[in-house]
Amino acid sequence: MRFALLLSFLLWSTLAPTLANAQQAEARAVAVRNGCKPTKIEVSSQTVGSSATIAYLVTCAPAAGASAGQPSLRILCRNRLCTTK
């Protein structure tokens, strides 16, 4: 039993730094900097490993007087560094 606990702790402690850890707050900040007022933020894809990434799809509020559909941004995050794609 103790061996299983030790093994799970060691696996988690080596795997945890490889997970992408950007949150929706970082994605929202990038969207706002790009002139988007976010109405919905959802995870579109996620990868784990040494180059872990999370891709968010951010739906923006339409500009005043615009009749087009809702624009959206795809934001890619690695660790806590997020950029538009």
PDB file of N, CA and C in Angstrom:
ATOM      1  N   MET A   1       0.824  -1.195   0.000  1.00  0.00           N
ATOM      2  CA  MET A   1       0.000   0.000   0.000  1.00  0.00           C
ATOM      3  C   MET A   1       0.870   1.262   0.000  1.00  0.00           C
ATOM      4  N   ARG A   2       1.860   1.282   0.865  1.00  0.00           N
ATOM      5  CA  ARG A   2       2.726   2.457   0.922  1.00  0.00           C
ATOM      6  C   ARG A   2       3.518   2.610  -0.369  1.00  0.00           C
ATOM      7  N   PHE A   3       3.890   1.487  -0.955  1.00  0.00           N
ATOM      8  CA  PHE A   3       4.623   1.535  -2.216  1.00  0.00           C
ATOM      9  C   PHE A   3       3.764   2.150  -3.319  1.00  0.00           C
ATOM     10  N   ALA A   4       2.485   1.809  -3.343  1.00  0.00           N
ATOM     11  CA  ALA A   4       1.571   2.373  -4.349  1.00  0.00           C
ATOM     12  C   ALA A   4       1.420   3.879  -4.148  1.00  0.00           C
ATOM     13  N   LEU A   5       1.313   4.305  -2.901  1.00  0.00           N
ATOM     14  CA  LEU A   5       1.204   5.735  -2.631  1.00  0.00           C
ATOM     15  C   LEU A   5       2.472   6.474  -3.039  1.00  0.00           C
ATOM     16  N   LEU A   6       3.613   5.905  -2.708  1.00  0.00           N
ATOM     17  CA  LEU A   6       4.884   6.515  -3.079  1.00  0.00           C
ATOM     18  C   LEU A   6       5.041   6.581  -4.592  1.00  0.00           C
ATOM     19  N   LEU A   7       4.676   5.506  -5.268  1.00  0.00           N
ATOM     20  CA  LEU A   7       4.774   5.476  -6.720  1.00  0.00           C
ATOM     21  C   LEU A   7       3.853   6.504  -7.368  1.00  0.00           C
ATOM     22  N   SER A   8       2.618   6.623  -6.879  1.00  0.00           N
ATOM     23  CA  SER A   8       1.699   7.612  -7.445  1.00  0.00           C
ATOM     24  C   SER A   8       2.186   9.035  -7.183  1.00  0.00           C
ATOM     25  N   PHE A   9       2.756   9.286  -5.998  1.00  0.00           N
ATOM     26  CA  PHE A   9       3.300  10.607  -5.715  1.00  0.00           C
ATOM     27  C   PHE A   9       4.470  10.939  -6.631  1.00  0.00           C
ATOM     28  N   LEU A  10       5.355   9.980  -6.844  1.00  0.00           N
ATOM     29  CA  LEU A  10       6.497  10.220  -7.730  1.00  0.00           C
ATOM     30  C   LEU A  10       6.058  10.457  -9.166  1.00  0.00           C
ATOM     31  N   LEU A  11       5.075   9.690  -9.628  1.00  0.00           N
ATOM     32  CA  LEU A  11       4.568   9.913 -10.989  1.00  0.00           C
ATOM     33  C   LEU A  11       3.929  11.287 -11.115  1.00  0.00           C
ATOM     34  N   TRP A  12       3.127  11.672 -10.134  1.00  0.00           N
ATOM     35  CA  TRP A  12       2.458  12.969 -10.194  1.00  0.00           C
ATOM     36  C   TRP A  12       3.466  14.110 -10.122  1.00  0.00           C
ATOM     37  N   SER A  13       4.485  13.981  -9.286  1.00  0.00           N
ATOM     38  CA  SER A  13       5.452  15.067  -9.146  1.00  0.00           C
ATOM     39  C   SER A  13       6.307  15.232 -10.401  1.00  0.00           C
ATOM     40  N   THR A  14       6.483  14.181 -11.177  1.00  0.00           N
ATOM     41  CA  THR A  14       7.232  14.317 -12.427  1.00  0.00           C
ATOM     42  C   THR A  14       6.330  14.748 -13.572  1.00  0.00           C
ATOM     43  N   LEU A  15       5.035  14.416 -13.509  1.00  0.00           N
ATOM     44  CA  LEU A  15       4.119  14.768 -14.591  1.00  0.00           C
ATOM     45  C   LEU A  15       3.571  16.180 -14.442  1.00  0.00           C
ATOM     46  N   ALA A  16       3.376  16.644 -13.224  1.00  0.00           N
ATOM     47  CA  ALA A  16       2.739  17.938 -12.982  1.00  0.00           C
ATOM     48  C   ALA A  16       3.431  19.106 -13.685  1.00  0.00           C
ATOM     49  N   PRO A  17       4.763  19.210 -13.710  1.00  0.00           N
ATOM     50  CA  PRO A  17       5.381  20.345 -14.392  1.00  0.00           C
ATOM     51  C   PRO A  17       5.191  20.317 -15.901  1.00  0.00           C
ATOM     52  N   THR A  18       4.796  19.187 -16.473  1.00  0.00           N
ATOM     53  CA  THR A  18       4.650  19.113 -17.920  1.00  0.00           C
ATOM     54  C   THR A  18       3.243  19.464 -18.390  1.00  0.00           C
ATOM     55  N   LEU A  19       2.320  19.684 -17.475  1.00  0.00           N
ATOM     56  CA  LEU A  19       0.964  20.030 -17.863  1.00  0.00           C
ATOM     57  C   LEU A  19       0.870  21.520 -18.164  1.00  0.00           C
ATOM     58  N   ALA A  20       0.105  21.872 -19.186  1.00  0.00           N
ATOM     59  CA  ALA A  20      -0.132  23.285 -19.463  1.00  0.00           C
ATOM     60  C   ALA A  20      -1.010  23.828 -18.352  1.00  0.00           C
ATOM     61  N   ASN A  21      -0.682  24.967 -17.803  1.00  0.00           N
ATOM     62  CA  ASN A  21      -1.423  25.465 -16.656  1.00  0.00           C
ATOM     63  C   ASN A  21      -2.021  26.846 -16.883  1.00  0.00           C
ATOM     64  N   ALA A  22      -2.214  27.239 -18.112  1.00  0.00           N
ATOM     65  CA  ALA A  22      -2.862  28.520 -18.370  1.00  0.00           C
ATOM     66  C   ALA A  22      -4.345  28.394 -18.052  1.00  0.00           C
ATOM     67  N   GLN A  23      -4.888  29.417 -17.462  1.00  0.00           N
ATOM     68  CA  GLN A  23      -6.291  29.413 -17.107  1.00  0.00           C
ATOM     69  C   GLN A  23      -7.064  30.317 -18.071  1.00  0.00           C
ATOM     70  N   GLN A  24      -8.368  30.319 -17.931  1.00  0.00           N
ATOM     71  CA  GLN A  24      -9.189  31.154 -18.796  1.00  0.00           C
ATOM     72  C   GLN A  24      -8.903  32.631 -18.592  1.00  0.00           C
ATOM     73  N   ALA A  25      -8.398  33.011 -17.432  1.00  0.00           N
ATOM     74  CA  ALA A  25      -8.083  34.421 -17.184  1.00  0.00           C
ATOM     75  C   ALA A  25      -6.997  34.918 -18.132  1.00  0.00           C
ATOM     76  N   GLU A  26      -5.983  34.084 -18.383  1.00  0.00           N
ATOM     77  CA  GLU A  26      -4.927  34.474 -19.325  1.00  0.00           C
ATOM     78  C   GLU A  26      -5.484  34.603 -20.738  1.00  0.00           C
ATOM     79  N   ALA A  27      -6.343  33.666 -21.127  1.00  0.00           N
ATOM     80  CA  ALA A  27      -6.954  33.726 -22.464  1.00  0.00           C
ATOM     81  C   ALA A  27      -7.846  34.961 -22.591  1.00  0.00           C
ATOM     82  N   ARG A  28      -8.568  35.289 -21.532  1.00  0.00           N
ATOM     83  CA  ARG A  28      -9.429  36.471 -21.558  1.00  0.00           C
ATOM     84  C   ARG A  28      -8.595  37.740 -21.699  1.00  0.00           C
ATOM     85  N   ALA A  29      -7.473  37.807 -20.990  1.00  0.00           N
ATOM     86  CA  ALA A  29      -6.613  38.989 -21.071  1.00  0.00           C
ATOM     87  C   ALA A  29      -6.077  39.187 -22.488  1.00  0.00           C
ATOM     88  N   VAL A  30      -5.704  38.106 -23.162  1.00  0.00           N
ATOM     89  CA  VAL A  30      -5.217  38.204 -24.546  1.00  0.00           C
ATOM     90  C   VAL A  30      -6.343  38.662 -25.463  1.00  0.00           C
ATOM     91  N   ALA A  31      -7.547  38.155 -25.246  1.00  0.00           N
ATOM     92  CA  ALA A  31      -8.683  38.561 -26.080  1.00  0.00           C
ATOM     93  C   ALA A  31      -8.979  40.049 -25.914  1.00  0.00           C
ATOM     94  N   VAL A  32      -8.958  40.533 -24.689  1.00  0.00           N
ATOM     95  CA  VAL A  32      -9.220  41.955 -24.434  1.00  0.00           C
ATOM     96  C   VAL A  32      -8.148  42.819 -25.085  1.00  0.00           C
ATOM     97  N   ARG A  33      -6.874  42.389 -25.009  1.00  0.00           N
ATOM     98  CA  ARG A  33      -5.793  43.147 -25.650  1.00  0.00           C
ATOM     99  C   ARG A  33      -5.953  43.191 -27.166  1.00  0.00           C
ATOM    100  N   ASN A  34      -6.658  42.222 -27.735  1.00  0.00           N
ATOM    101  CA  ASN A  34      -6.876  42.199 -29.173  1.00  0.00           C
ATOM    102  C   ASN A  34      -8.219  42.808 -29.572  1.00  0.00           C
ATOM    103  N   GLY A  35      -8.826  43.571 -28.670  1.00  0.00           N
ATOM    104  CA  GLY A  35     -10.047  44.303 -28.997  1.00  0.00           C
ATOM    105  C   GLY A  35     -11.297  43.448 -28.983  1.00  0.00           C
ATOM    106  N   CYS A  36     -11.307  42.367 -28.248  1.00  0.00           N
ATOM    107  CA  CYS A  36     -12.449  41.461 -28.184  1.00  0.00           C
ATOM    108  C   CYS A  36     -13.049  41.533 -26.787  1.00  0.00           C
ATOM    109  N   LYS A  37     -14.368  41.695 -26.707  1.00  0.00           N
ATOM    110  CA  LYS A  37     -15.043  41.620 -25.414  1.00  0.00           C
ATOM    111  C   LYS A  37     -15.591  40.195 -25.298  1.00  0.00           C
ATOM    112  N   PRO A  38     -14.907  39.326 -24.533  1.00  0.00           N
ATOM    113  CA  PRO A  38     -15.288  37.910 -24.499  1.00  0.00           C
ATOM    114  C   PRO A  38     -16.665  37.677 -23.899  1.00  0.00           C
ATOM    115  N   THR A  39     -17.461  36.861 -24.576  1.00  0.00           N
ATOM    116  CA  THR A  39     -18.748  36.438 -24.042  1.00  0.00           C
ATOM    117  C   THR A  39     -18.716  34.968 -23.651  1.00  0.00           C
ATOM    118  N   LYS A  40     -17.832  34.199 -24.288  1.00  0.00           N
ATOM    119  CA  LYS A  40     -17.734  32.769 -23.998  1.00  0.00           C
ATOM    120  C   LYS A  40     -16.305  32.303 -24.256  1.00  0.00           C
ATOM    121  N   ILE A  41     -15.736  31.560 -23.311  1.00  0.00           N
ATOM    122  CA  ILE A  41     -14.385  31.019 -23.462  1.00  0.00           C
ATOM    123  C   ILE A  41     -14.472  29.519 -23.232  1.00  0.00           C
ATOM    124  N   GLU A  42     -14.038  28.735 -24.213  1.00  0.00           N
ATOM    125  CA  GLU A  42     -14.080  27.287 -24.058  1.00  0.00           C
ATOM    126  C   GLU A  42     -12.786  26.656 -24.557  1.00  0.00           C
ATOM    127  N   VAL A  43     -12.421  25.545 -23.974  1.00  0.00           N
ATOM    128  CA  VAL A  43     -11.227  24.817 -24.379  1.00  0.00           C
ATOM    129  C   VAL A  43     -11.545  24.060 -25.659  1.00  0.00           C
ATOM    130  N   SER A  44     -10.752  24.304 -26.705  1.00  0.00           N
ATOM    131  CA  SER A  44     -10.986  23.579 -27.958  1.00  0.00           C
ATOM    132  C   SER A  44     -10.056  22.386 -28.098  1.00  0.00           C
ATOM    133  N   SER A  45      -8.846  22.458 -27.536  1.00  0.00           N
ATOM    134  CA  SER A  45      -7.954  21.299 -27.532  1.00  0.00           C
ATOM    135  C   SER A  45      -6.910  21.470 -26.440  1.00  0.00           C
ATOM    136  N   GLN A  46      -6.342  20.331 -26.042  1.00  0.00           N
ATOM    137  CA  GLN A  46      -5.330  20.349 -24.991  1.00  0.00           C
ATOM    138  C   GLN A  46      -4.362  19.203 -25.237  1.00  0.00           C
ATOM    139  N   THR A  47      -3.060  19.492 -25.101  1.00  0.00           N
ATOM    140  CA  THR A  47      -2.048  18.454 -25.208  1.00  0.00           C
ATOM    141  C   THR A  47      -1.190  18.478 -23.953  1.00  0.00           C
ATOM    142  N   VAL A  48      -0.629  17.334 -23.606  1.00  0.00           N
ATOM    143  CA  VAL A  48       0.241  17.245 -22.441  1.00  0.00           C
ATOM    144  C   VAL A  48       1.601  16.751 -22.893  1.00  0.00           C
ATOM    145  N   GLY A  49       2.569  16.908 -22.048  1.00  0.00           N
ATOM    146  CA  GLY A  49       3.921  16.474 -22.365  1.00  0.00           C
ATOM    147  C   GLY A  49       4.903  17.612 -22.171  1.00  0.00           C
ATOM    148  N   SER A  50       6.068  17.477 -22.787  1.00  0.00           N
ATOM    149  CA  SER A  50       7.096  18.496 -22.603  1.00  0.00           C
ATOM    150  C   SER A  50       6.732  19.814 -23.279  1.00  0.00           C
ATOM    151  N   SER A  51       5.887  19.781 -24.294  1.00  0.00           N
ATOM    152  CA  SER A  51       5.428  21.018 -24.941  1.00  0.00           C
ATOM    153  C   SER A  51       3.907  21.106 -24.822  1.00  0.00           C
ATOM    154  N   ALA A  52       3.405  21.071 -23.592  1.00  0.00           N
ATOM    155  CA  ALA A  52       1.977  21.077 -23.323  1.00  0.00           C
ATOM    156  C   ALA A  52       1.343  22.394 -23.746  1.00  0.00           C
ATOM    157  N   THR A  53       0.179  22.311 -24.370  1.00  0.00           N
ATOM    158  CA  THR A  53      -0.540  23.503 -24.821  1.00  0.00           C
ATOM    159  C   THR A  53      -2.032  23.341 -24.564  1.00  0.00           C
ATOM    160  N   ILE A  54      -2.704  24.474 -24.446  1.00  0.00           N
ATOM    161  CA  ILE A  54      -4.161  24.518 -24.385  1.00  0.00           C
ATOM    162  C   ILE A  54      -4.609  25.541 -25.420  1.00  0.00           C
ATOM    163  N   ALA A  55      -5.569  25.154 -26.250  1.00  0.00           N
ATOM    164  CA  ALA A  55      -6.134  26.076 -27.235  1.00  0.00           C
ATOM    165  C   ALA A  55      -7.545  26.450 -26.790  1.00  0.00           C
ATOM    166  N   TYR A  56      -7.806  27.738 -26.686  1.00  0.00           N
ATOM    167  CA  TYR A  56      -9.119  28.247 -26.301  1.00  0.00           C
ATOM    168  C   TYR A  56      -9.801  28.855 -27.514  1.00  0.00           C
ATOM    169  N   LEU A  57     -11.109  28.720 -27.580  1.00  0.00           N
ATOM    170  CA  LEU A  57     -11.913  29.405 -28.581  1.00  0.00           C
ATOM    171  C   LEU A  57     -12.727  30.449 -27.830  1.00  0.00           C
ATOM    172  N   VAL A  58     -12.464  31.720 -28.129  1.00  0.00           N
ATOM    173  CA  VAL A  58     -13.112  32.829 -27.428  1.00  0.00           C
ATOM    174  C   VAL A  58     -14.117  33.478 -28.375  1.00  0.00           C
ATOM    175  N   THR A  59     -15.365  33.496 -27.956  1.00  0.00           N
ATOM    176  CA  THR A  59     -16.410  34.159 -28.729  1.00  0.00           C
ATOM    177  C   THR A  59     -16.508  35.602 -28.244  1.00  0.00           C
ATOM    178  N   CYS A  60     -16.475  36.539 -29.200  1.00  0.00           N
ATOM    179  CA  CYS A  60     -16.474  37.963 -28.866  1.00  0.00           C
ATOM    180  C   CYS A  60     -17.863  38.559 -29.054  1.00  0.00           C
ATOM    181  N   ALA A  61     -18.154  39.571 -28.256  1.00  0.00           N
ATOM    182  CA  ALA A  61     -19.402  40.309 -28.420  1.00  0.00           C
ATOM    183  C   ALA A  61     -19.305  41.111 -29.709  1.00  0.00           C
ATOM    184  N   PRO A  62     -20.382  41.165 -30.502  1.00  0.00           N
ATOM    185  CA  PRO A  62     -20.331  41.944 -31.742  1.00  0.00           C
ATOM    186  C   PRO A  62     -20.169  43.430 -31.449  1.00  0.00           C
ATOM    187  N   ALA A  63     -19.472  44.105 -32.347  1.00  0.00           N
ATOM    188  CA  ALA A  63     -19.273  45.547 -32.197  1.00  0.00           C
ATOM    189  C   ALA A  63     -20.605  46.262 -32.332  1.00  0.00           C
ATOM    190  N   ALA A  64     -20.693  47.446 -31.747  1.00  0.00           N
ATOM    191  CA  ALA A  64     -21.938  48.217 -31.794  1.00  0.00           C
ATOM    192  C   ALA A  64     -22.309  48.515 -33.241  1.00  0.00           C
ATOM    193  N   GLY A  65     -23.522  48.191 -33.600  1.00  0.00           N
ATOM    194  CA  GLY A  65     -24.005  48.468 -34.950  1.00  0.00           C
ATOM    195  C   GLY A  65     -23.617  47.421 -35.973  1.00  0.00           C
ATOM    196  N   ALA A  66     -22.859  46.407 -35.589  1.00  0.00           N
ATOM    197  CA  ALA A  66     -22.452  45.360 -36.540  1.00  0.00           C
ATOM    198  C   ALA A  66     -23.572  44.333 -36.658  1.00  0.00           C
ATOM    199  N   SER A  67     -23.865  43.947 -37.890  1.00  0.00           N
ATOM    200  CA  SER A  67     -24.934  42.977 -38.115  1.00  0.00           C
ATOM    201  C   SER A  67     -24.379  41.593 -38.437  1.00  0.00           C
ATOM    202  N   ALA A  68     -23.059  41.470 -38.519  1.00  0.00           N
ATOM    203  CA  ALA A  68     -22.446  40.183 -38.843  1.00  0.00           C
ATOM    204  C   ALA A  68     -22.530  39.235 -37.649  1.00  0.00           C
ATOM    205  N   GLY A  69     -22.206  37.976 -37.884  1.00  0.00           N
ATOM    206  CA  GLY A  69     -22.199  36.993 -36.815  1.00  0.00           C
ATOM    207  C   GLY A  69     -21.149  37.313 -35.769  1.00  0.00           C
ATOM    208  N   GLN A  70     -21.173  36.575 -34.689  1.00  0.00           N
ATOM    209  CA  GLN A  70     -20.231  36.825 -33.609  1.00  0.00           C
ATOM    210  C   GLN A  70     -18.830  36.400 -34.032  1.00  0.00           C
ATOM    211  N   PRO A  71     -17.862  37.320 -33.971  1.00  0.00           N
ATOM    212  CA  PRO A  71     -16.478  36.957 -34.296  1.00  0.00           C
ATOM    213  C   PRO A  71     -15.888  36.117 -33.167  1.00  0.00           C
ATOM    214  N   SER A  72     -14.845  35.381 -33.474  1.00  0.00           N
ATOM    215  CA  SER A  72     -14.188  34.589 -32.441  1.00  0.00           C
ATOM    216  C   SER A  72     -12.677  34.619 -32.643  1.00  0.00           C
ATOM    217  N   LEU A  73     -11.960  34.345 -31.580  1.00  0.00           N
ATOM    218  CA  LEU A  73     -10.503  34.267 -31.595  1.00  0.00           C
ATOM    219  C   LEU A  73     -10.087  32.888 -31.140  1.00  0.00           C
ATOM    220  N   ARG A  74      -9.019  32.371 -31.721  1.00  0.00           N
ATOM    221  CA  ARG A  74      -8.414  31.133 -31.228  1.00  0.00           C
ATOM    222  C   ARG A  74      -7.128  31.543 -30.515  1.00  0.00           C
ATOM    223  N   ILE A  75      -7.032  31.189 -29.245  1.00  0.00           N
ATOM    224  CA  ILE A  75      -5.888  31.575 -28.422  1.00  0.00           C
ATOM    225  C   ILE A  75      -5.155  30.317 -27.988  1.00  0.00           C
ATOM    226  N   LEU A  76      -3.853  30.297 -28.226  1.00  0.00           N
ATOM    227  CA  LEU A  76      -3.014  29.156 -27.894  1.00  0.00           C
ATOM    228  C   LEU A  76      -2.141  29.505 -26.702  1.00  0.00           C
ATOM    229  N   CYS A  77      -2.159  28.664 -25.672  1.00  0.00           N
ATOM    230  CA  CYS A  77      -1.395  28.920 -24.443  1.00  0.00           C
ATOM    231  C   CYS A  77      -0.410  27.785 -24.196  1.00  0.00           C
ATOM    232  N   ARG A  78       0.799  28.163 -23.867  1.00  0.00           N
ATOM    233  CA  ARG A  78       1.832  27.223 -23.428  1.00  0.00           C
ATOM    234  C   ARG A  78       2.336  27.747 -22.096  1.00  0.00           C
ATOM    235  N   ASN A  79       2.221  26.910 -21.050  1.00  0.00           N
ATOM    236  CA  ASN A  79       2.442  27.327 -19.670  1.00  0.00           C
ATOM    237  C   ASN A  79       1.498  28.486 -19.379  1.00  0.00           C
ATOM    238  N   ARG A  80       1.990  29.657 -19.066  1.00  0.00           N
ATOM    239  CA  ARG A  80       1.109  30.800 -18.836  1.00  0.00           C
ATOM    240  C   ARG A  80       1.265  31.866 -19.905  1.00  0.00           C
ATOM    241  N   LEU A  81       1.909  31.529 -21.000  1.00  0.00           N
ATOM    242  CA  LEU A  81       2.105  32.455 -22.112  1.00  0.00           C
ATOM    243  C   LEU A  81       1.069  32.154 -23.180  1.00  0.00           C
ATOM    244  N   CYS A  82       0.187  33.112 -23.446  1.00  0.00           N
ATOM    245  CA  CYS A  82      -0.899  32.918 -24.408  1.00  0.00           C
ATOM    246  C   CYS A  82      -0.753  33.906 -25.562  1.00  0.00           C
ATOM    247  N   THR A  83      -1.043  33.441 -26.782  1.00  0.00           N
ATOM    248  CA  THR A  83      -1.009  34.271 -27.977  1.00  0.00           C
ATOM    249  C   THR A  83      -2.185  33.917 -28.861  1.00  0.00           C
ATOM    250  N   THR A  84      -2.538  34.837 -29.743  1.00  0.00           N
ATOM    251  CA  THR A  84      -3.601  34.544 -30.703  1.00  0.00           C
ATOM    252  C   THR A  84      -3.025  33.715 -31.836  1.00  0.00           C
ATOM    253  N   LYS A  85      -3.853  32.928 -32.412  1.00  0.00           N
ATOM    254  CA  LYS A  85      -3.393  32.084 -33.505  1.00  0.00           C
ATOM    255  C   LYS A  85      -4.216  32.362 -34.731  1.00  0.00           C
TER     256      LYS A  85
END
